[in-house]
Amino acid sequence: MVTQLFKKLGARMTKIKVKQVDSYIYRFNNSKPEFLMLKRTIGKHYEHLWQGVAGKIEKNETAVQTVLRELKEETGLSPIKVFTADHIASFYDARNDLLMMVPIFGIEVDSVDVKLSAEHSDFKWVSFEEAFKLLVWKGQKEGIKAVNDAVVSDDERLQWSEIII
Protein backbone atom coordinates (compact mmCIF):
# COMPACT_ATOMS: atom_id res chain seq x y z
CA MET A 1 0.00 0.00 0.00
CA VAL A 2 2.72 2.49 0.99
CA THR A 3 4.88 1.40 -1.95
CA GLN A 4 1.98 1.97 -4.38
CA LEU A 5 1.35 5.42 -2.92
CA PHE A 6 5.05 6.32 -3.29
CA LYS A 7 4.98 5.14 -6.91
CA LYS A 8 1.91 7.28 -7.65
CA LEU A 9 3.67 10.27 -6.14
CA GLY A 10 6.84 9.51 -8.09
CA ALA A 11 8.78 9.12 -4.87
CA ARG A 12 11.62 6.71 -4.37
CA MET A 13 11.79 4.60 -1.22
CA THR A 14 15.02 3.92 0.63
CA LYS A 15 16.05 0.31 0.09
CA ILE A 16 16.78 -2.10 2.91
CA LYS A 17 19.88 -4.20 2.36
CA VAL A 18 21.75 -6.96 4.18
CA LYS A 19 25.27 -7.02 2.82
CA GLN A 20 27.47 -7.63 5.82
CA VAL A 21 27.61 -9.63 9.05
CA ASP A 22 29.02 -9.08 12.49
CA SER A 23 30.04 -11.76 14.98
CA TYR A 24 31.46 -11.96 18.45
CA ILE A 25 33.86 -14.79 19.15
CA TYR A 26 34.06 -16.14 22.69
CA ARG A 27 35.62 -18.93 24.67
CA PHE A 28 35.14 -19.98 28.26
CA ASN A 29 37.88 -19.31 30.80
CA ASN A 30 37.04 -20.53 34.32
CA SER A 31 33.39 -20.83 33.19
CA LYS A 32 33.23 -17.13 32.22
CA PRO A 33 33.13 -16.03 28.58
CA GLU A 34 36.07 -14.09 27.17
CA PHE A 35 35.66 -12.27 23.88
CA LEU A 36 38.13 -11.96 21.02
CA MET A 37 38.69 -8.36 19.97
CA LEU A 38 40.50 -7.57 16.71
CA LYS A 39 42.25 -4.26 15.99
CA ARG A 40 41.99 -2.90 12.45
CA THR A 41 45.27 -2.41 10.56
CA ILE A 42 46.57 1.05 9.73
CA GLY A 43 45.51 2.00 6.21
CA LYS A 44 42.32 -0.09 6.35
CA HIS A 45 38.86 1.44 6.59
CA TYR A 46 38.23 2.32 10.26
CA GLU A 47 41.92 1.84 11.09
CA HIS A 48 42.79 1.37 14.76
CA LEU A 49 39.22 0.46 15.77
CA TRP A 50 38.53 -2.72 17.74
CA GLN A 51 35.87 -5.08 16.47
CA GLY A 52 34.68 -8.65 16.40
CA VAL A 53 34.81 -10.72 13.22
CA ALA A 54 32.89 -8.94 10.47
CA GLY A 55 32.66 -8.98 6.71
CA LYS A 56 30.74 -8.49 3.50
CA ILE A 57 28.40 -11.13 2.15
CA GLU A 58 29.72 -12.32 -1.21
CA LYS A 59 27.55 -13.12 -4.23
CA ASN A 60 25.53 -16.36 -3.77
CA GLU A 61 26.61 -16.59 -0.12
CA THR A 62 24.31 -16.72 2.90
CA ALA A 63 24.97 -14.69 6.04
CA VAL A 64 25.89 -17.91 7.89
CA GLN A 65 28.35 -18.93 5.17
CA THR A 66 29.86 -15.44 5.34
CA VAL A 67 30.37 -15.50 9.10
CA LEU A 68 32.04 -18.93 8.94
CA ARG A 69 34.31 -17.85 6.07
CA GLU A 70 35.26 -14.61 7.81
CA LEU A 71 36.04 -16.46 11.06
CA LYS A 72 38.51 -18.69 9.23
CA GLU A 73 40.01 -15.85 7.13
CA GLU A 74 40.41 -13.33 9.95
CA THR A 75 41.40 -15.62 12.85
CA GLY A 76 42.17 -19.14 11.61
CA LEU A 77 39.82 -20.43 14.33
CA SER A 78 37.17 -23.13 13.96
CA PRO A 79 33.74 -22.83 15.61
CA ILE A 80 32.34 -25.33 18.08
CA LYS A 81 29.02 -23.47 18.36
CA VAL A 82 27.36 -20.78 16.23
CA PHE A 83 24.12 -18.99 17.00
CA THR A 84 22.16 -15.98 15.84
CA ALA A 85 22.02 -13.26 18.46
CA ASP A 86 18.80 -11.67 19.62
CA HIS A 87 19.76 -8.45 17.81
CA ILE A 88 20.20 -7.03 14.32
CA ALA A 89 22.36 -3.93 14.02
CA SER A 90 21.16 -1.24 11.65
CA PHE A 91 22.47 2.00 10.24
CA TYR A 92 21.69 4.38 7.41
CA ASP A 93 24.15 4.67 4.49
CA ALA A 94 23.41 8.18 3.18
CA ARG A 95 25.79 7.90 0.20
CA ASN A 96 23.74 5.05 -1.26
CA ASP A 97 20.37 5.82 0.39
CA LEU A 98 20.33 2.37 2.01
CA LEU A 99 19.11 1.21 5.36
CA MET A 100 21.70 -1.43 6.28
CA MET A 101 20.67 -4.39 8.42
CA VAL A 102 23.52 -6.42 9.94
CA PRO A 103 22.80 -9.87 11.41
CA ILE A 104 24.76 -10.59 14.59
CA PHE A 105 26.20 -14.01 15.45
CA GLY A 106 27.83 -15.52 18.51
CA ILE A 107 30.59 -18.05 17.87
CA GLU A 108 32.16 -20.25 20.52
CA VAL A 109 35.69 -21.54 19.96
CA ASP A 110 37.94 -23.69 22.10
CA SER A 111 41.34 -22.36 20.99
CA VAL A 112 43.25 -19.17 21.75
CA ASP A 113 45.64 -19.64 18.82
CA VAL A 114 44.59 -16.74 16.61
CA LYS A 115 46.22 -16.34 13.19
CA LEU A 116 45.50 -12.77 12.10
CA SER A 117 44.93 -11.78 8.49
CA ALA A 118 46.37 -8.54 7.06
CA GLU A 119 43.06 -6.87 7.94
CA HIS A 120 43.99 -6.73 11.63
CA SER A 121 47.17 -5.75 13.45
CA ASP A 122 46.44 -7.04 16.95
CA PHE A 123 44.03 -9.10 19.02
CA LYS A 124 43.22 -9.78 22.64
CA TRP A 125 40.91 -11.98 24.69
CA VAL A 126 38.99 -9.83 27.17
CA SER A 127 36.02 -9.86 29.51
CA PHE A 128 32.63 -8.73 28.25
CA GLU A 129 33.03 -5.44 30.15
CA GLU A 130 36.36 -4.65 28.51
CA ALA A 131 35.12 -5.69 25.05
CA PHE A 132 32.09 -3.43 25.48
CA LYS A 133 34.40 -0.48 26.29
CA LEU A 134 36.66 -1.19 23.29
CA LEU A 135 33.80 -1.10 20.76
CA VAL A 136 32.78 2.35 19.49
CA TRP A 137 29.60 1.86 17.44
CA LYS A 138 26.23 1.55 19.16
CA GLY A 139 25.30 -1.44 16.96
CA GLN A 140 28.48 -3.26 18.00
CA LYS A 141 27.85 -2.60 21.70
CA GLU A 142 24.26 -3.84 21.40
CA GLY A 143 25.43 -6.85 19.37
CA ILE A 144 28.06 -8.05 21.84
CA LYS A 145 25.64 -7.45 24.72
CA ALA A 146 23.05 -9.68 23.02
CA VAL A 147 25.68 -12.40 22.51
CA ASN A 148 26.92 -12.14 26.09
CA ASP A 149 23.38 -12.18 27.49
CA ALA A 150 22.57 -15.33 25.53
CA VAL A 151 25.79 -17.06 26.62
CA VAL A 152 25.46 -16.29 30.34
CA SER A 153 21.68 -16.61 30.63
CA ASP A 154 20.01 -19.69 31.97
CA ASP A 155 17.24 -19.69 29.37
CA GLU A 156 16.72 -21.62 26.14
CA ARG A 157 17.78 -18.90 23.69
CA LEU A 158 20.89 -20.74 22.51
CA GLN A 159 18.91 -23.91 21.91
CA TRP A 160 16.46 -22.04 19.70
CA SER A 161 19.01 -19.96 17.84
CA GLU A 162 21.93 -22.39 17.42
CA ILE A 163 22.97 -23.08 13.84
CA ILE A 164 23.98 -26.64 13.07
CA ILE A 165 27.34 -26.47 11.28
C-alpha atoms as a PDB file:
ATOM      1  CA  MET A   1       0.000   0.000   0.000  1.00  0.00           C
ATOM      2  CA  VAL A   2       2.719   2.492   0.993  1.00  0.00           C
ATOM      3  CA  THR A   3       4.877   1.397  -1.950  1.00  0.00           C
ATOM      4  CA  GLN A   4       1.979   1.966  -4.378  1.00  0.00           C
ATOM      5  CA  LEU A   5       1.354   5.418  -2.916  1.00  0.00           C
ATOM      6  CA  PHE A   6       5.049   6.322  -3.289  1.00  0.00           C
ATOM      7  CA  LYS A   7       4.983   5.138  -6.914  1.00  0.00           C
ATOM      8  CA  LYS A   8       1.913   7.279  -7.649  1.00  0.00           C
ATOM      9  CA  LEU A   9       3.667  10.272  -6.138  1.00  0.00           C
ATOM     10  CA  GLY A  10       6.835   9.513  -8.091  1.00  0.00           C
ATOM     11  CA  ALA A  11       8.782   9.117  -4.873  1.00  0.00           C
ATOM     12  CA  ARG A  12      11.618   6.708  -4.369  1.00  0.00           C
ATOM     13  CA  MET A  13      11.794   4.602  -1.215  1.00  0.00           C
ATOM     14  CA  THR A  14      15.016   3.919   0.634  1.00  0.00           C
ATOM     15  CA  LYS A  15      16.045   0.307   0.087  1.00  0.00           C
ATOM     16  CA  ILE A  16      16.781  -2.100   2.912  1.00  0.00           C
ATOM     17  CA  LYS A  17      19.876  -4.202   2.355  1.00  0.00           C
ATOM     18  CA  VAL A  18      21.746  -6.959   4.178  1.00  0.00           C
ATOM     19  CA  LYS A  19      25.267  -7.024   2.819  1.00  0.00           C
ATOM     20  CA  GLN A  20      27.471  -7.630   5.822  1.00  0.00           C
ATOM     21  CA  VAL A  21      27.614  -9.633   9.047  1.00  0.00           C
ATOM     22  CA  ASP A  22      29.025  -9.078  12.494  1.00  0.00           C
ATOM     23  CA  SER A  23      30.037 -11.761  14.983  1.00  0.00           C
ATOM     24  CA  TYR A  24      31.463 -11.960  18.451  1.00  0.00           C
ATOM     25  CA  ILE A  25      33.857 -14.792  19.147  1.00  0.00           C
ATOM     26  CA  TYR A  26      34.061 -16.138  22.689  1.00  0.00           C
ATOM     27  CA  ARG A  27      35.619 -18.928  24.673  1.00  0.00           C
ATOM     28  CA  PHE A  28      35.143 -19.975  28.257  1.00  0.00           C
ATOM     29  CA  ASN A  29      37.876 -19.309  30.801  1.00  0.00           C
ATOM     30  CA  ASN A  30      37.044 -20.529  34.318  1.00  0.00           C
ATOM     31  CA  SER A  31      33.391 -20.833  33.189  1.00  0.00           C
ATOM     32  CA  LYS A  32      33.227 -17.126  32.218  1.00  0.00           C
ATOM     33  CA  PRO A  33      33.128 -16.030  28.578  1.00  0.00           C
ATOM     34  CA  GLU A  34      36.069 -14.085  27.173  1.00  0.00           C
ATOM     35  CA  PHE A  35      35.664 -12.272  23.875  1.00  0.00           C
ATOM     36  CA  LEU A  36      38.132 -11.955  21.021  1.00  0.00           C
ATOM     37  CA  MET A  37      38.690  -8.358  19.967  1.00  0.00           C
ATOM     38  CA  LEU A  38      40.505  -7.574  16.713  1.00  0.00           C
ATOM     39  CA  LYS A  39      42.248  -4.255  15.988  1.00  0.00           C
ATOM     40  CA  ARG A  40      41.985  -2.896  12.452  1.00  0.00           C
ATOM     41  CA  THR A  41      45.274  -2.414  10.562  1.00  0.00           C
ATOM     42  CA  ILE A  42      46.573   1.052   9.729  1.00  0.00           C
ATOM     43  CA  GLY A  43      45.515   1.997   6.208  1.00  0.00           C
ATOM     44  CA  LYS A  44      42.319  -0.092   6.348  1.00  0.00           C
ATOM     45  CA  HIS A  45      38.862   1.438   6.589  1.00  0.00           C
ATOM     46  CA  TYR A  46      38.226   2.318  10.264  1.00  0.00           C
ATOM     47  CA  GLU A  47      41.917   1.841  11.092  1.00  0.00           C
ATOM     48  CA  HIS A  48      42.786   1.371  14.762  1.00  0.00           C
ATOM     49  CA  LEU A  49      39.222   0.464  15.775  1.00  0.00           C
ATOM     50  CA  TRP A  50      38.534  -2.717  17.742  1.00  0.00           C
ATOM     51  CA  GLN A  51      35.874  -5.084  16.471  1.00  0.00           C
ATOM     52  CA  GLY A  52      34.676  -8.652  16.402  1.00  0.00           C
ATOM     53  CA  VAL A  53      34.807 -10.717  13.223  1.00  0.00           C
ATOM     54  CA  ALA A  54      32.888  -8.943  10.466  1.00  0.00           C
ATOM     55  CA  GLY A  55      32.658  -8.977   6.708  1.00  0.00           C
ATOM     56  CA  LYS A  56      30.743  -8.486   3.500  1.00  0.00           C
ATOM     57  CA  ILE A  57      28.397 -11.133   2.149  1.00  0.00           C
ATOM     58  CA  GLU A  58      29.721 -12.316  -1.211  1.00  0.00           C
ATOM     59  CA  LYS A  59      27.550 -13.121  -4.229  1.00  0.00           C
ATOM     60  CA  ASN A  60      25.534 -16.359  -3.772  1.00  0.00           C
ATOM     61  CA  GLU A  61      26.612 -16.595  -0.125  1.00  0.00           C
ATOM     62  CA  THR A  62      24.310 -16.716   2.896  1.00  0.00           C
ATOM     63  CA  ALA A  63      24.966 -14.688   6.041  1.00  0.00           C
ATOM     64  CA  VAL A  64      25.889 -17.909   7.887  1.00  0.00           C
ATOM     65  CA  GLN A  65      28.354 -18.929   5.166  1.00  0.00           C
ATOM     66  CA  THR A  66      29.862 -15.440   5.344  1.00  0.00           C
ATOM     67  CA  VAL A  67      30.372 -15.496   9.096  1.00  0.00           C
ATOM     68  CA  LEU A  68      32.039 -18.935   8.943  1.00  0.00           C
ATOM     69  CA  ARG A  69      34.313 -17.848   6.070  1.00  0.00           C
ATOM     70  CA  GLU A  70      35.255 -14.608   7.809  1.00  0.00           C
ATOM     71  CA  LEU A  71      36.036 -16.458  11.063  1.00  0.00           C
ATOM     72  CA  LYS A  72      38.514 -18.691   9.230  1.00  0.00           C
ATOM     73  CA  GLU A  73      40.014 -15.854   7.129  1.00  0.00           C
ATOM     74  CA  GLU A  74      40.413 -13.326   9.955  1.00  0.00           C
ATOM     75  CA  THR A  75      41.399 -15.619  12.847  1.00  0.00           C
ATOM     76  CA  GLY A  76      42.175 -19.142  11.609  1.00  0.00           C
ATOM     77  CA  LEU A  77      39.817 -20.428  14.330  1.00  0.00           C
ATOM     78  CA  SER A  78      37.168 -23.133  13.964  1.00  0.00           C
ATOM     79  CA  PRO A  79      33.742 -22.834  15.606  1.00  0.00           C
ATOM     80  CA  ILE A  80      32.336 -25.332  18.078  1.00  0.00           C
ATOM     81  CA  LYS A  81      29.018 -23.471  18.363  1.00  0.00           C
ATOM     82  CA  VAL A  82      27.363 -20.784  16.234  1.00  0.00           C
ATOM     83  CA  PHE A  83      24.115 -18.987  17.002  1.00  0.00           C
ATOM     84  CA  THR A  84      22.163 -15.976  15.839  1.00  0.00           C
ATOM     85  CA  ALA A  85      22.017 -13.255  18.463  1.00  0.00           C
ATOM     86  CA  ASP A  86      18.798 -11.672  19.622  1.00  0.00           C
ATOM     87  CA  HIS A  87      19.763  -8.454  17.812  1.00  0.00           C
ATOM     88  CA  ILE A  88      20.197  -7.030  14.321  1.00  0.00           C
ATOM     89  CA  ALA A  89      22.358  -3.926  14.018  1.00  0.00           C
ATOM     90  CA  SER A  90      21.163  -1.245  11.647  1.00  0.00           C
ATOM     91  CA  PHE A  91      22.472   2.001  10.237  1.00  0.00           C
ATOM     92  CA  TYR A  92      21.690   4.379   7.406  1.00  0.00           C
ATOM     93  CA  ASP A  93      24.146   4.671   4.485  1.00  0.00           C
ATOM     94  CA  ALA A  94      23.415   8.179   3.183  1.00  0.00           C
ATOM     95  CA  ARG A  95      25.790   7.899   0.203  1.00  0.00           C
ATOM     96  CA  ASN A  96      23.737   5.051  -1.263  1.00  0.00           C
ATOM     97  CA  ASP A  97      20.366   5.819   0.388  1.00  0.00           C
ATOM     98  CA  LEU A  98      20.334   2.375   2.014  1.00  0.00           C
ATOM     99  CA  LEU A  99      19.110   1.211   5.362  1.00  0.00           C
ATOM    100  CA  MET A 100      21.697  -1.432   6.283  1.00  0.00           C
ATOM    101  CA  MET A 101      20.670  -4.393   8.421  1.00  0.00           C
ATOM    102  CA  VAL A 102      23.520  -6.424   9.938  1.00  0.00           C
ATOM    103  CA  PRO A 103      22.799  -9.874  11.408  1.00  0.00           C
ATOM    104  CA  ILE A 104      24.758 -10.591  14.587  1.00  0.00           C
ATOM    105  CA  PHE A 105      26.200 -14.010  15.448  1.00  0.00           C
ATOM    106  CA  GLY A 106      27.834 -15.519  18.511  1.00  0.00           C
ATOM    107  CA  ILE A 107      30.592 -18.049  17.871  1.00  0.00           C
ATOM    108  CA  GLU A 108      32.156 -20.249  20.518  1.00  0.00           C
ATOM    109  CA  VAL A 109      35.687 -21.536  19.962  1.00  0.00           C
ATOM    110  CA  ASP A 110      37.941 -23.686  22.104  1.00  0.00           C
ATOM    111  CA  SER A 111      41.337 -22.363  20.995  1.00  0.00           C
ATOM    112  CA  VAL A 112      43.245 -19.167  21.752  1.00  0.00           C
ATOM    113  CA  ASP A 113      45.641 -19.641  18.825  1.00  0.00           C
ATOM    114  CA  VAL A 114      44.595 -16.737  16.610  1.00  0.00           C
ATOM    115  CA  LYS A 115      46.217 -16.338  13.190  1.00  0.00           C
ATOM    116  CA  LEU A 116      45.503 -12.773  12.100  1.00  0.00           C
ATOM    117  CA  SER A 117      44.935 -11.777   8.495  1.00  0.00           C
ATOM    118  CA  ALA A 118      46.370  -8.543   7.058  1.00  0.00           C
ATOM    119  CA  GLU A 119      43.059  -6.870   7.941  1.00  0.00           C
ATOM    120  CA  HIS A 120      43.986  -6.731  11.634  1.00  0.00           C
ATOM    121  CA  SER A 121      47.169  -5.753  13.452  1.00  0.00           C
ATOM    122  CA  ASP A 122      46.436  -7.039  16.955  1.00  0.00           C
ATOM    123  CA  PHE A 123      44.034  -9.100  19.019  1.00  0.00           C
ATOM    124  CA  LYS A 124      43.218  -9.779  22.636  1.00  0.00           C
ATOM    125  CA  TRP A 125      40.915 -11.978  24.689  1.00  0.00           C
ATOM    126  CA  VAL A 126      38.992  -9.827  27.168  1.00  0.00           C
ATOM    127  CA  SER A 127      36.022  -9.857  29.506  1.00  0.00           C
ATOM    128  CA  PHE A 128      32.630  -8.726  28.250  1.00  0.00           C
ATOM    129  CA  GLU A 129      33.029  -5.443  30.149  1.00  0.00           C
ATOM    130  CA  GLU A 130      36.364  -4.648  28.507  1.00  0.00           C
ATOM    131  CA  ALA A 131      35.120  -5.688  25.054  1.00  0.00           C
ATOM    132  CA  PHE A 132      32.090  -3.427  25.485  1.00  0.00           C
ATOM    133  CA  LYS A 133      34.405  -0.476  26.289  1.00  0.00           C
ATOM    134  CA  LEU A 134      36.664  -1.188  23.285  1.00  0.00           C
ATOM    135  CA  LEU A 135      33.797  -1.096  20.762  1.00  0.00           C
ATOM    136  CA  VAL A 136      32.778   2.351  19.490  1.00  0.00           C
ATOM    137  CA  TRP A 137      29.600   1.855  17.439  1.00  0.00           C
ATOM    138  CA  LYS A 138      26.229   1.547  19.161  1.00  0.00           C
ATOM    139  CA  GLY A 139      25.298  -1.440  16.959  1.00  0.00           C
ATOM    140  CA  GLN A 140      28.480  -3.264  18.001  1.00  0.00           C
ATOM    141  CA  LYS A 141      27.847  -2.602  21.698  1.00  0.00           C
ATOM    142  CA  GLU A 142      24.262  -3.839  21.402  1.00  0.00           C
ATOM    143  CA  GLY A 143      25.427  -6.849  19.373  1.00  0.00           C
ATOM    144  CA  ILE A 144      28.059  -8.046  21.837  1.00  0.00           C
ATOM    145  CA  LYS A 145      25.643  -7.447  24.722  1.00  0.00           C
ATOM    146  CA  ALA A 146      23.053  -9.680  23.020  1.00  0.00           C
ATOM    147  CA  VAL A 147      25.682 -12.397  22.510  1.00  0.00           C
ATOM    148  CA  ASN A 148      26.924 -12.145  26.091  1.00  0.00           C
ATOM    149  CA  ASP A 149      23.376 -12.176  27.490  1.00  0.00           C
ATOM    150  CA  ALA A 150      22.570 -15.332  25.528  1.00  0.00           C
ATOM    151  CA  VAL A 151      25.786 -17.064  26.621  1.00  0.00           C
ATOM    152  CA  VAL A 152      25.460 -16.293  30.339  1.00  0.00           C
ATOM    153  CA  SER A 153      21.677 -16.614  30.631  1.00  0.00           C
ATOM    154  CA  ASP A 154      20.011 -19.685  31.970  1.00  0.00           C
ATOM    155  CA  ASP A 155      17.238 -19.694  29.375  1.00  0.00           C
ATOM    156  CA  GLU A 156      16.716 -21.623  26.140  1.00  0.00           C
ATOM    157  CA  ARG A 157      17.779 -18.896  23.690  1.00  0.00           C
ATOM    158  CA  LEU A 158      20.887 -20.738  22.510  1.00  0.00           C
ATOM    159  CA  GLN A 159      18.906 -23.913  21.913  1.00  0.00           C
ATOM    160  CA  TRP A 160      16.462 -22.038  19.696  1.00  0.00           C
ATOM    161  CA  SER A 161      19.015 -19.961  17.836  1.00  0.00           C
ATOM    162  CA  GLU A 162      21.926 -22.389  17.424  1.00  0.00           C
ATOM    163  CA  ILE A 163      22.968 -23.075  13.839  1.00  0.00           C
ATOM    164  CA  ILE A 164      23.980 -26.635  13.069  1.00  0.00           C
ATOM    165  CA  ILE A 165      27.338 -26.474  11.277  1.00  0.00           C
END
